[in-house]
């Protein structure tokens, strides 16, 4: 009984530590809700197996690989669309998922993704809100303006400000 409690505690810790970065990583390939579902699915599989046997570094590699595979499965099983652009984008995402097999490169990419995620969290509140709507939720500037009851020009200015801050903060990456 004590072992199960230890494993459950460890899984919760891993989820709290890695889920935000994993969701951000999955967003490269799928929409926000699907990204969250993919990450939850990976952790549910770990939970159901009730085994955590890796060091943090190996676990991080495992989690990113598992989320990548989950996204790949989702993309492969999406209903076939008649929209050429949608199909092309999906094919490019599948290609990116299947071609990135170098673990060292993957670790560097994961560190870059984590750094970007941290810098987005550091943006000023309104700037971050608009940036997330535009780049993470993929809302159009006019839609953001309407939702927040501000002008499109203000939305554009905040996105420009966010990009400028992120570029400056992430120059080393």
Protein backbone atom coordinates (compact mmCIF):
# COMPACT_ATOMS: atom_id res chain seq x y z
CA UNK A 1 0.00 0.00 0.00
CA UNK A 2 2.83 2.38 0.87
CA UNK A 3 4.51 1.69 -2.51
CA UNK A 4 1.32 2.61 -4.40
CA UNK A 5 1.02 5.86 -2.46
CA UNK A 6 4.66 6.70 -3.30
CA UNK A 7 4.05 6.01 -7.00
CA UNK A 8 0.86 8.12 -7.01
CA UNK A 9 2.71 10.99 -5.34
CA UNK A 10 5.53 10.70 -7.89
CA UNK A 11 3.09 10.71 -10.83
CA UNK A 12 1.38 13.82 -9.46
CA UNK A 13 4.76 15.53 -9.05
CA UNK A 14 5.73 14.64 -12.60
CA UNK A 15 2.42 15.94 -13.91
CA UNK A 16 2.79 19.26 -12.10
CA UNK A 17 6.40 19.60 -13.26
CA UNK A 18 6.03 18.59 -16.91
CA UNK A 19 2.41 18.98 -18.05
CA UNK A 20 2.59 22.70 -19.00
CA UNK A 21 5.72 22.20 -21.13
CA UNK A 22 4.31 19.03 -22.68
CA UNK A 23 1.07 20.79 -23.60
CA UNK A 24 3.06 23.65 -25.12
CA UNK A 25 5.14 21.11 -27.07
CA UNK A 26 2.02 19.27 -28.30
CA UNK A 27 0.56 22.60 -29.48
CA UNK A 28 3.16 22.56 -32.27
CA UNK A 29 1.14 19.74 -33.81
CA UNK A 30 -2.46 19.90 -32.57
CA UNK A 31 -4.94 22.44 -31.17
CA UNK A 32 -5.00 23.42 -27.49
CA UNK A 33 -7.75 21.00 -26.38
CA UNK A 34 -6.22 18.08 -28.27
CA UNK A 35 -2.79 18.92 -26.81
CA UNK A 36 -4.23 18.83 -23.29
CA UNK A 37 -6.01 15.55 -24.07
CA UNK A 38 -2.80 14.02 -25.45
CA UNK A 39 -0.83 14.95 -22.31
CA UNK A 40 -3.61 13.71 -20.03
CA UNK A 41 -3.70 10.45 -21.98
CA UNK A 42 0.04 9.92 -21.50
CA UNK A 43 -0.22 10.53 -17.75
CA UNK A 44 -3.31 8.33 -17.52
CA UNK A 45 -1.33 5.49 -19.10
CA UNK A 46 1.45 6.02 -16.53
CA UNK A 47 -1.15 6.18 -13.73
CA UNK A 48 -2.81 2.95 -14.89
CA UNK A 49 0.53 1.16 -15.10
CA UNK A 50 1.39 2.44 -11.59
CA UNK A 51 5.09 2.39 -12.39
CA UNK A 52 7.60 5.19 -12.38
CA UNK A 53 11.07 3.81 -12.81
CA UNK A 54 13.08 6.51 -14.53
CA UNK A 55 15.32 9.25 -13.26
CA UNK A 56 13.98 12.76 -13.93
CA UNK A 57 16.15 13.17 -17.05
CA UNK A 58 15.07 9.84 -18.54
CA UNK A 59 11.48 10.50 -17.49
CA UNK A 60 11.50 13.87 -19.26
CA UNK A 61 12.75 12.20 -22.44
CA UNK A 62 10.13 9.49 -22.08
CA UNK A 63 7.30 12.00 -21.54
CA UNK A 64 8.18 14.13 -24.56
CA UNK A 65 8.52 11.02 -26.73
CA UNK A 66 5.19 9.64 -25.43
CA UNK A 67 3.41 12.97 -26.12
CA UNK A 68 4.99 13.10 -29.58
CA UNK A 69 3.71 9.59 -30.31
CA UNK A 70 0.27 10.44 -28.93
CA UNK A 71 0.07 13.52 -31.22
CA UNK A 72 1.22 11.40 -34.16
CA UNK A 73 -1.54 8.87 -33.47
CA UNK A 74 -4.12 11.66 -33.21
CA UNK A 75 -3.01 13.23 -36.50
CA UNK A 76 -2.99 9.89 -38.28
CA UNK A 77 -6.51 9.12 -37.11
CA UNK A 78 -8.08 12.49 -37.86
CA UNK A 79 -10.90 12.33 -40.34
CA UNK A 80 -9.81 12.92 -43.93
CA UNK A 81 -10.68 16.44 -44.98
CA UNK A 82 -11.31 17.67 -48.50
CA UNK A 83 -9.42 20.84 -47.67
CA UNK A 84 -6.00 20.67 -49.38
CA UNK A 85 -4.43 23.20 -46.99
CA UNK A 86 -5.62 21.28 -43.92
CA UNK A 87 -4.29 18.02 -45.34
CA UNK A 88 -0.95 19.61 -46.23
CA UNK A 89 -0.53 21.14 -42.76
CA UNK A 90 -1.42 17.81 -41.13
CA UNK A 91 1.08 15.98 -43.39
CA UNK A 92 3.83 18.47 -42.47
CA UNK A 93 3.13 17.98 -38.78
CA UNK A 94 3.22 14.19 -39.17
CA UNK A 95 6.51 14.52 -41.08
CA UNK A 96 7.99 16.71 -38.33
CA UNK A 97 6.86 14.27 -35.66
CA UNK A 98 8.32 11.24 -37.43
CA UNK A 99 11.59 12.83 -38.55
CA UNK A 100 12.71 14.16 -35.16
CA UNK A 101 14.22 10.96 -33.77
CA UNK A 102 17.58 12.34 -32.53
CA UNK A 103 17.27 12.29 -28.69
CA UNK A 104 19.96 14.96 -28.20
CA UNK A 105 18.26 17.29 -30.68
CA UNK A 106 14.93 16.52 -29.04
CA UNK A 107 16.33 17.44 -25.60
CA UNK A 108 17.63 20.76 -26.97
CA UNK A 109 14.21 21.42 -28.55
CA UNK A 110 12.49 20.55 -25.26
CA UNK A 111 14.73 23.00 -23.40
CA UNK A 112 13.96 25.66 -26.01
CA UNK A 113 10.22 25.00 -25.67
CA UNK A 114 10.43 25.21 -21.87
CA UNK A 115 12.35 28.51 -22.13
CA UNK A 116 9.75 29.97 -24.50
CA UNK A 117 6.94 28.84 -22.20
CA UNK A 118 8.65 30.49 -19.20
CA UNK A 119 9.15 33.74 -21.10
CA UNK A 120 5.51 33.81 -22.21
CA UNK A 121 4.54 33.48 -18.53
CA UNK A 122 6.72 36.53 -17.74
CA UNK A 123 5.00 38.82 -20.26
CA UNK A 124 2.88 41.64 -18.80
CA UNK A 125 -0.61 40.30 -18.05
CA UNK A 126 -2.59 41.97 -20.87
CA UNK A 127 0.23 41.40 -23.35
CA UNK A 128 0.40 37.70 -22.39
CA UNK A 129 -3.37 37.30 -22.64
CA UNK A 130 -3.43 38.72 -26.18
CA UNK A 131 -0.33 36.79 -27.26
CA UNK A 132 -1.76 33.48 -26.02
CA UNK A 133 -5.05 34.16 -27.80
CA UNK A 134 -3.22 34.94 -31.03
CA UNK A 135 -0.48 32.32 -31.06
CA UNK A 136 -1.65 29.51 -28.81
CA UNK A 137 -5.40 29.64 -29.36
CA UNK A 138 -4.93 30.85 -32.98
CA UNK A 139 -7.61 33.53 -32.76
CA UNK A 140 -7.71 36.28 -35.40
CA UNK A 141 -6.84 39.83 -34.32
CA UNK A 142 -10.39 41.03 -34.99
CA UNK A 143 -11.82 38.23 -32.83
CA UNK A 144 -9.44 39.09 -29.98
CA UNK A 145 -10.37 42.77 -30.26
CA UNK A 146 -14.06 41.92 -30.07
CA UNK A 147 -13.64 39.53 -27.13
CA UNK A 148 -11.58 42.02 -25.14
CA UNK A 149 -13.50 45.07 -26.36
CA UNK A 150 -10.39 46.83 -27.61
CA UNK A 151 -9.30 48.02 -31.03
CA UNK A 152 -7.59 45.76 -33.57
CA UNK A 153 -4.71 48.25 -33.54
CA UNK A 154 -4.26 47.68 -29.78
CA UNK A 155 -4.22 43.92 -30.35
CA UNK A 156 -1.55 44.33 -33.04
CA UNK A 157 0.51 46.61 -30.80
CA UNK A 158 0.37 44.12 -27.90
CA UNK A 159 1.36 41.21 -30.17
CA UNK A 160 4.27 43.27 -31.52
CA UNK A 161 5.30 44.12 -27.94
CA UNK A 162 5.13 40.44 -26.90
CA UNK A 163 7.21 39.32 -29.88
CA UNK A 164 9.79 42.02 -29.21
CA UNK A 165 10.09 40.98 -25.54
CA UNK A 166 10.27 37.27 -26.43
CA UNK A 167 12.89 37.81 -29.13
CA UNK A 168 15.05 39.81 -26.73
CA UNK A 169 14.65 37.25 -23.92
CA UNK A 170 15.26 34.24 -26.13
CA UNK A 171 18.21 35.49 -28.17
CA UNK A 172 20.46 32.73 -26.82
CA UNK A 173 18.08 30.05 -28.03
